Amino acid sequence: MPRTRNAVATKKRRKKVLKKAKGYFGNKSRLFRYAKDAVNRAEAYAYRDRRKKKTVFRQLWIVRINAACRAEGIRYSQFINGLNKADVKLDRKALSELAIHEPDAFKELVEKAKGALAA
């Protein structure tokens, strides 16, 4: 009885990896042996950075809010504290968008935060 082989599945698996490696430099896009390492590494980075992206965007929003707050004469931490005391429930993304596109509305929020801190 001949031994069983699984060439179909092997070829399919290798094609899948080489397809993912399209555009990689040199042998990494042509040879399975090198492509599988490059693809594994790329997928690990992608997994990590999908999570890191959330941190990076939050940092960006905070920087933008801080810049807008300082233009109004208040620090970011005081502004957030004031909003919490005034029971304003806006996330940092929304605050950042307001600071950029609706400076008048943002100025009102700053005044509300200042008022809550003074009270």
N, C-alpha and C. Protein backbone atom coordinates (compact mmCIF):
# COMPACT_ATOMS: atom_id res chain seq x y z
N MET A 1 0.85 -1.19 0.00
CA MET A 1 0.00 0.00 0.00
C MET A 1 0.89 1.25 0.00
N PRO A 2 0.64 2.19 -0.91
CA PRO A 2 1.50 3.38 -0.96
C PRO A 2 1.22 4.31 0.22
N ARG A 3 2.24 5.09 0.54
CA ARG A 3 2.05 6.03 1.66
C ARG A 3 1.12 7.15 1.22
N THR A 4 0.41 7.73 2.20
CA THR A 4 -0.51 8.82 1.87
C THR A 4 0.27 10.14 1.85
N ARG A 5 -0.14 10.94 0.90
CA ARG A 5 0.49 12.26 0.79
C ARG A 5 -0.59 13.32 0.87
N ASN A 6 -0.17 14.56 1.13
CA ASN A 6 -1.16 15.63 1.24
C ASN A 6 -0.68 16.84 0.44
N ALA A 7 -0.31 16.58 -0.80
CA ALA A 7 0.25 17.63 -1.64
C ALA A 7 -0.74 18.77 -1.88
N VAL A 8 -2.02 18.44 -1.98
CA VAL A 8 -3.02 19.47 -2.26
C VAL A 8 -3.06 20.50 -1.14
N ALA A 9 -3.14 20.03 0.09
CA ALA A 9 -3.20 20.94 1.23
C ALA A 9 -1.90 21.71 1.38
N THR A 10 -0.77 21.04 1.14
CA THR A 10 0.53 21.70 1.25
C THR A 10 0.64 22.83 0.25
N LYS A 11 0.25 22.55 -0.99
CA LYS A 11 0.33 23.57 -2.04
C LYS A 11 -0.60 24.74 -1.72
N LYS A 12 -1.78 24.44 -1.22
CA LYS A 12 -2.74 25.49 -0.87
C LYS A 12 -2.19 26.38 0.24
N ARG A 13 -1.60 25.75 1.26
CA ARG A 13 -1.04 26.49 2.38
C ARG A 13 0.10 27.40 1.91
N ARG A 14 0.96 26.86 1.05
CA ARG A 14 2.10 27.64 0.57
C ARG A 14 1.65 28.79 -0.32
N LYS A 15 0.66 28.54 -1.16
CA LYS A 15 0.14 29.61 -2.03
C LYS A 15 -0.46 30.74 -1.20
N LYS A 16 -1.14 30.35 -0.12
CA LYS A 16 -1.77 31.35 0.75
C LYS A 16 -0.71 32.27 1.37
N VAL A 17 0.39 31.67 1.82
CA VAL A 17 1.47 32.46 2.44
C VAL A 17 2.14 33.35 1.39
N LEU A 18 2.43 32.78 0.20
CA LEU A 18 3.08 33.57 -0.84
C LEU A 18 2.18 34.71 -1.33
N LYS A 19 0.88 34.50 -1.32
CA LYS A 19 -0.03 35.58 -1.71
C LYS A 19 0.05 36.72 -0.70
N LYS A 20 0.12 36.38 0.59
CA LYS A 20 0.24 37.41 1.62
C LYS A 20 1.57 38.15 1.52
N ALA A 21 2.60 37.47 0.97
CA ALA A 21 3.94 38.06 0.91
C ALA A 21 4.17 38.87 -0.36
N LYS A 22 3.14 39.04 -1.17
CA LYS A 22 3.30 39.82 -2.40
C LYS A 22 3.80 41.21 -2.05
N GLY A 23 4.77 41.68 -2.82
CA GLY A 23 5.28 43.03 -2.61
C GLY A 23 6.45 43.09 -1.65
N TYR A 24 6.75 41.99 -0.97
CA TYR A 24 7.92 41.97 -0.08
C TYR A 24 9.18 41.95 -0.93
N PHE A 25 10.28 42.40 -0.36
CA PHE A 25 11.53 42.54 -1.09
C PHE A 25 12.26 41.20 -1.21
N GLY A 26 12.80 40.95 -2.40
CA GLY A 26 13.69 39.81 -2.61
C GLY A 26 13.01 38.47 -2.43
N ASN A 27 13.77 37.52 -1.86
CA ASN A 27 13.27 36.15 -1.70
C ASN A 27 12.04 36.06 -0.80
N LYS A 28 11.82 37.07 0.03
CA LYS A 28 10.67 37.03 0.95
C LYS A 28 9.34 36.99 0.20
N SER A 29 9.35 37.42 -1.06
CA SER A 29 8.10 37.37 -1.82
C SER A 29 8.05 36.19 -2.78
N ARG A 30 9.17 35.45 -2.89
CA ARG A 30 9.22 34.39 -3.90
C ARG A 30 9.39 32.98 -3.33
N LEU A 31 10.08 32.87 -2.21
CA LEU A 31 10.37 31.54 -1.66
C LEU A 31 9.60 31.33 -0.36
N PHE A 32 8.90 30.21 -0.30
CA PHE A 32 8.07 29.91 0.87
C PHE A 32 8.87 29.95 2.16
N ARG A 33 10.07 29.40 2.10
CA ARG A 33 10.92 29.28 3.28
C ARG A 33 11.11 30.64 3.96
N TYR A 34 11.31 31.70 3.17
CA TYR A 34 11.55 33.03 3.72
C TYR A 34 10.25 33.81 3.88
N ALA A 35 9.31 33.52 3.00
CA ALA A 35 8.03 34.24 3.04
C ALA A 35 7.27 33.93 4.32
N LYS A 36 7.30 32.68 4.77
CA LYS A 36 6.51 32.33 5.95
C LYS A 36 7.01 33.09 7.19
N ASP A 37 8.32 33.29 7.31
CA ASP A 37 8.85 34.05 8.44
C ASP A 37 8.44 35.51 8.35
N ALA A 38 8.54 36.07 7.13
CA ALA A 38 8.19 37.48 6.94
C ALA A 38 6.70 37.71 7.20
N VAL A 39 5.86 36.79 6.74
CA VAL A 39 4.41 36.92 6.94
C VAL A 39 4.07 36.78 8.42
N ASN A 40 4.68 35.82 9.10
CA ASN A 40 4.43 35.65 10.54
C ASN A 40 4.79 36.91 11.31
N ARG A 41 5.94 37.47 10.98
CA ARG A 41 6.39 38.69 11.66
C ARG A 41 5.43 39.85 11.35
N ALA A 42 5.03 39.96 10.08
CA ALA A 42 4.12 41.04 9.68
C ALA A 42 2.78 40.92 10.41
N GLU A 43 2.29 39.70 10.53
CA GLU A 43 1.01 39.50 11.22
C GLU A 43 1.12 39.79 12.70
N ALA A 44 2.27 39.49 13.29
CA ALA A 44 2.48 39.80 14.71
C ALA A 44 2.49 41.31 14.93
N TYR A 45 3.18 42.03 14.03
CA TYR A 45 3.20 43.49 14.13
C TYR A 45 1.80 44.07 13.93
N ALA A 46 1.07 43.53 12.97
CA ALA A 46 -0.28 44.03 12.69
C ALA A 46 -1.18 43.84 13.91
N TYR A 47 -1.09 42.67 14.55
CA TYR A 47 -1.89 42.37 15.74
C TYR A 47 -1.55 43.36 16.85
N ARG A 48 -0.25 43.54 17.08
CA ARG A 48 0.20 44.45 18.14
C ARG A 48 -0.27 45.88 17.85
N ASP A 49 -0.11 46.31 16.60
CA ASP A 49 -0.35 47.70 16.27
C ASP A 49 -1.84 48.04 16.16
N ARG A 50 -2.69 47.03 15.96
CA ARG A 50 -4.13 47.31 16.01
C ARG A 50 -4.51 47.76 17.42
N ARG A 51 -3.82 47.25 18.41
CA ARG A 51 -4.08 47.66 19.78
C ARG A 51 -3.37 48.98 20.10
N LYS A 52 -2.16 49.12 19.60
CA LYS A 52 -1.37 50.33 19.85
C LYS A 52 -2.04 51.56 19.22
N LYS A 53 -2.73 51.36 18.10
CA LYS A 53 -3.39 52.45 17.38
C LYS A 53 -4.35 53.21 18.29
N LYS A 54 -5.04 52.50 19.16
CA LYS A 54 -5.99 53.14 20.06
C LYS A 54 -5.27 54.08 21.02
N THR A 55 -4.11 53.65 21.51
CA THR A 55 -3.30 54.47 22.41
C THR A 55 -2.80 55.71 21.69
N VAL A 56 -2.31 55.52 20.46
CA VAL A 56 -1.74 56.62 19.69
C VAL A 56 -2.79 57.68 19.39
N PHE A 57 -4.00 57.25 19.01
CA PHE A 57 -5.05 58.22 18.72
C PHE A 57 -5.48 58.96 19.97
N ARG A 58 -5.57 58.26 21.10
CA ARG A 58 -5.94 58.93 22.35
C ARG A 58 -4.90 60.00 22.69
N GLN A 59 -3.61 59.67 22.51
CA GLN A 59 -2.55 60.65 22.77
C GLN A 59 -2.71 61.87 21.87
N LEU A 60 -3.03 61.63 20.60
CA LEU A 60 -3.21 62.73 19.65
C LEU A 60 -4.36 63.64 20.09
N TRP A 61 -5.49 63.02 20.47
CA TRP A 61 -6.64 63.82 20.90
C TRP A 61 -6.28 64.66 22.12
N ILE A 62 -5.54 64.08 23.06
CA ILE A 62 -5.17 64.80 24.28
C ILE A 62 -4.27 65.98 23.94
N VAL A 63 -3.32 65.79 23.03
CA VAL A 63 -2.44 66.89 22.63
C VAL A 63 -3.25 68.03 22.01
N ARG A 64 -4.20 67.68 21.16
CA ARG A 64 -5.03 68.70 20.51
C ARG A 64 -5.89 69.45 21.52
N ILE A 65 -6.49 68.70 22.44
CA ILE A 65 -7.33 69.33 23.46
C ILE A 65 -6.48 70.25 24.33
N ASN A 66 -5.30 69.78 24.72
CA ASN A 66 -4.41 70.57 25.56
C ASN A 66 -4.03 71.87 24.88
N ALA A 67 -3.71 71.80 23.59
CA ALA A 67 -3.34 73.02 22.85
C ALA A 67 -4.50 74.01 22.83
N ALA A 68 -5.70 73.50 22.58
CA ALA A 68 -6.87 74.38 22.54
C ALA A 68 -7.17 74.96 23.93
N CYS A 69 -6.99 74.16 24.97
CA CYS A 69 -7.23 74.61 26.34
C CYS A 69 -6.26 75.72 26.72
N ARG A 70 -5.00 75.51 26.41
CA ARG A 70 -3.98 76.50 26.78
C ARG A 70 -4.21 77.83 26.07
N ALA A 71 -4.76 77.78 24.86
CA ALA A 71 -5.13 79.02 24.16
C ALA A 71 -6.23 79.76 24.91
N GLU A 72 -7.02 79.02 25.69
CA GLU A 72 -8.11 79.61 26.49
C GLU A 72 -7.67 79.88 27.92
N GLY A 73 -6.41 79.59 28.25
CA GLY A 73 -5.88 79.92 29.57
C GLY A 73 -6.17 78.88 30.65
N ILE A 74 -6.26 77.62 30.28
CA ILE A 74 -6.49 76.55 31.25
C ILE A 74 -5.68 75.34 30.82
N ARG A 75 -5.23 74.55 31.81
CA ARG A 75 -4.48 73.34 31.48
C ARG A 75 -5.44 72.19 31.19
N TYR A 76 -4.93 71.19 30.46
CA TYR A 76 -5.75 70.03 30.08
C TYR A 76 -6.34 69.35 31.30
N SER A 77 -5.50 69.09 32.31
CA SER A 77 -5.97 68.35 33.48
C SER A 77 -7.06 69.13 34.23
N GLN A 78 -6.92 70.45 34.30
CA GLN A 78 -7.94 71.28 34.95
C GLN A 78 -9.24 71.24 34.12
N PHE A 79 -9.09 71.28 32.81
CA PHE A 79 -10.25 71.25 31.91
C PHE A 79 -11.04 69.95 32.09
N ILE A 80 -10.34 68.82 32.06
CA ILE A 80 -11.02 67.52 32.21
C ILE A 80 -11.66 67.41 33.59
N ASN A 81 -10.95 67.87 34.61
CA ASN A 81 -11.49 67.86 35.97
C ASN A 81 -12.76 68.71 36.05
N GLY A 82 -12.71 69.88 35.43
CA GLY A 82 -13.86 70.77 35.42
C GLY A 82 -15.05 70.16 34.70
N LEU A 83 -14.78 69.50 33.57
CA LEU A 83 -15.87 68.85 32.84
C LEU A 83 -16.50 67.74 33.67
N ASN A 84 -15.66 66.98 34.36
CA ASN A 84 -16.20 65.90 35.21
C ASN A 84 -17.07 66.47 36.33
N LYS A 85 -16.62 67.58 36.94
CA LYS A 85 -17.40 68.20 38.01
C LYS A 85 -18.70 68.80 37.46
N ALA A 86 -18.65 69.29 36.21
CA ALA A 86 -19.85 69.87 35.59
C ALA A 86 -20.74 68.79 34.99
N ASP A 87 -20.32 67.53 35.12
CA ASP A 87 -21.07 66.38 34.62
C ASP A 87 -21.29 66.44 33.10
N VAL A 88 -20.22 66.83 32.38
CA VAL A 88 -20.24 66.84 30.91
C VAL A 88 -19.63 65.53 30.44
N LYS A 89 -20.39 64.73 29.72
CA LYS A 89 -19.94 63.41 29.29
C LYS A 89 -19.57 63.42 27.80
N LEU A 90 -18.39 63.93 27.49
CA LEU A 90 -17.88 63.90 26.12
C LEU A 90 -16.53 63.19 26.14
N ASP A 91 -16.33 62.30 25.17
CA ASP A 91 -15.03 61.62 25.12
C ASP A 91 -13.99 62.51 24.46
N ARG A 92 -12.74 62.09 24.54
CA ARG A 92 -11.64 62.92 24.05
C ARG A 92 -11.67 63.11 22.54
N LYS A 93 -12.16 62.10 21.83
CA LYS A 93 -12.28 62.23 20.38
C LYS A 93 -13.22 63.37 20.03
N ALA A 94 -14.38 63.40 20.68
CA ALA A 94 -15.38 64.44 20.41
C ALA A 94 -14.84 65.82 20.82
N LEU A 95 -14.17 65.88 21.97
CA LEU A 95 -13.60 67.15 22.42
C LEU A 95 -12.56 67.67 21.43
N SER A 96 -11.76 66.75 20.90
CA SER A 96 -10.74 67.12 19.93
C SER A 96 -11.36 67.68 18.66
N GLU A 97 -12.42 67.01 18.18
CA GLU A 97 -13.11 67.48 16.98
C GLU A 97 -13.74 68.86 17.22
N LEU A 98 -14.30 69.05 18.41
CA LEU A 98 -14.87 70.36 18.74
C LEU A 98 -13.79 71.43 18.75
N ALA A 99 -12.65 71.10 19.34
CA ALA A 99 -11.55 72.07 19.44
C ALA A 99 -11.08 72.51 18.05
N ILE A 100 -11.09 71.58 17.09
CA ILE A 100 -10.60 71.89 15.75
C ILE A 100 -11.66 72.59 14.92
N HIS A 101 -12.88 72.02 14.88
CA HIS A 101 -13.90 72.46 13.92
C HIS A 101 -14.93 73.44 14.49
N GLU A 102 -15.12 73.42 15.82
CA GLU A 102 -16.12 74.29 16.46
C GLU A 102 -15.50 75.03 17.64
N PRO A 103 -14.58 75.97 17.38
CA PRO A 103 -13.88 76.63 18.49
C PRO A 103 -14.81 77.39 19.44
N ASP A 104 -15.93 77.90 18.92
CA ASP A 104 -16.87 78.62 19.79
C ASP A 104 -17.53 77.68 20.80
N ALA A 105 -17.94 76.51 20.33
CA ALA A 105 -18.54 75.51 21.22
C ALA A 105 -17.50 75.04 22.24
N PHE A 106 -16.26 74.88 21.79
CA PHE A 106 -15.20 74.44 22.71
C PHE A 106 -14.97 75.51 23.78
N LYS A 107 -15.02 76.78 23.37
CA LYS A 107 -14.82 77.88 24.32
C LYS A 107 -15.90 77.85 25.40
N GLU A 108 -17.15 77.51 25.01
CA GLU A 108 -18.24 77.40 25.99
C GLU A 108 -17.96 76.27 26.99
N LEU A 109 -17.44 75.16 26.47
CA LEU A 109 -17.09 74.04 27.37
C LEU A 109 -16.01 74.46 28.35
N VAL A 110 -15.02 75.24 27.86
CA VAL A 110 -13.96 75.71 28.75
C VAL A 110 -14.54 76.58 29.85
N GLU A 111 -15.46 77.47 29.48
CA GLU A 111 -16.09 78.34 30.48
C GLU A 111 -16.88 77.51 31.49
N LYS A 112 -17.57 76.49 31.00
CA LYS A 112 -18.34 75.61 31.91
C LYS A 112 -17.40 74.89 32.88
N ALA A 113 -16.25 74.42 32.34
CA ALA A 113 -15.26 73.73 33.19
C ALA A 113 -14.69 74.68 34.22
N LYS A 114 -14.36 75.91 33.79
CA LYS A 114 -13.83 76.91 34.74
C LYS A 114 -14.83 77.23 35.83
N GLY A 115 -16.10 77.34 35.43
CA GLY A 115 -17.16 77.61 36.40
C GLY A 115 -17.31 76.49 37.41
N ALA A 116 -17.20 75.26 36.95
CA ALA A 116 -17.33 74.10 37.85
C ALA A 116 -16.15 74.03 38.81
N LEU A 117 -14.96 74.44 38.35
CA LEU A 117 -13.77 74.43 39.21
C LEU A 117 -13.88 75.53 40.28
N ALA A 118 -14.44 76.67 39.89
CA ALA A 118 -14.55 77.79 40.82
C ALA A 118 -15.61 77.52 41.90
N ALA A 119 -16.64 76.77 41.53
CA ALA A 119 -17.74 76.51 42.49
C ALA A 119 -17.36 75.50 43.55
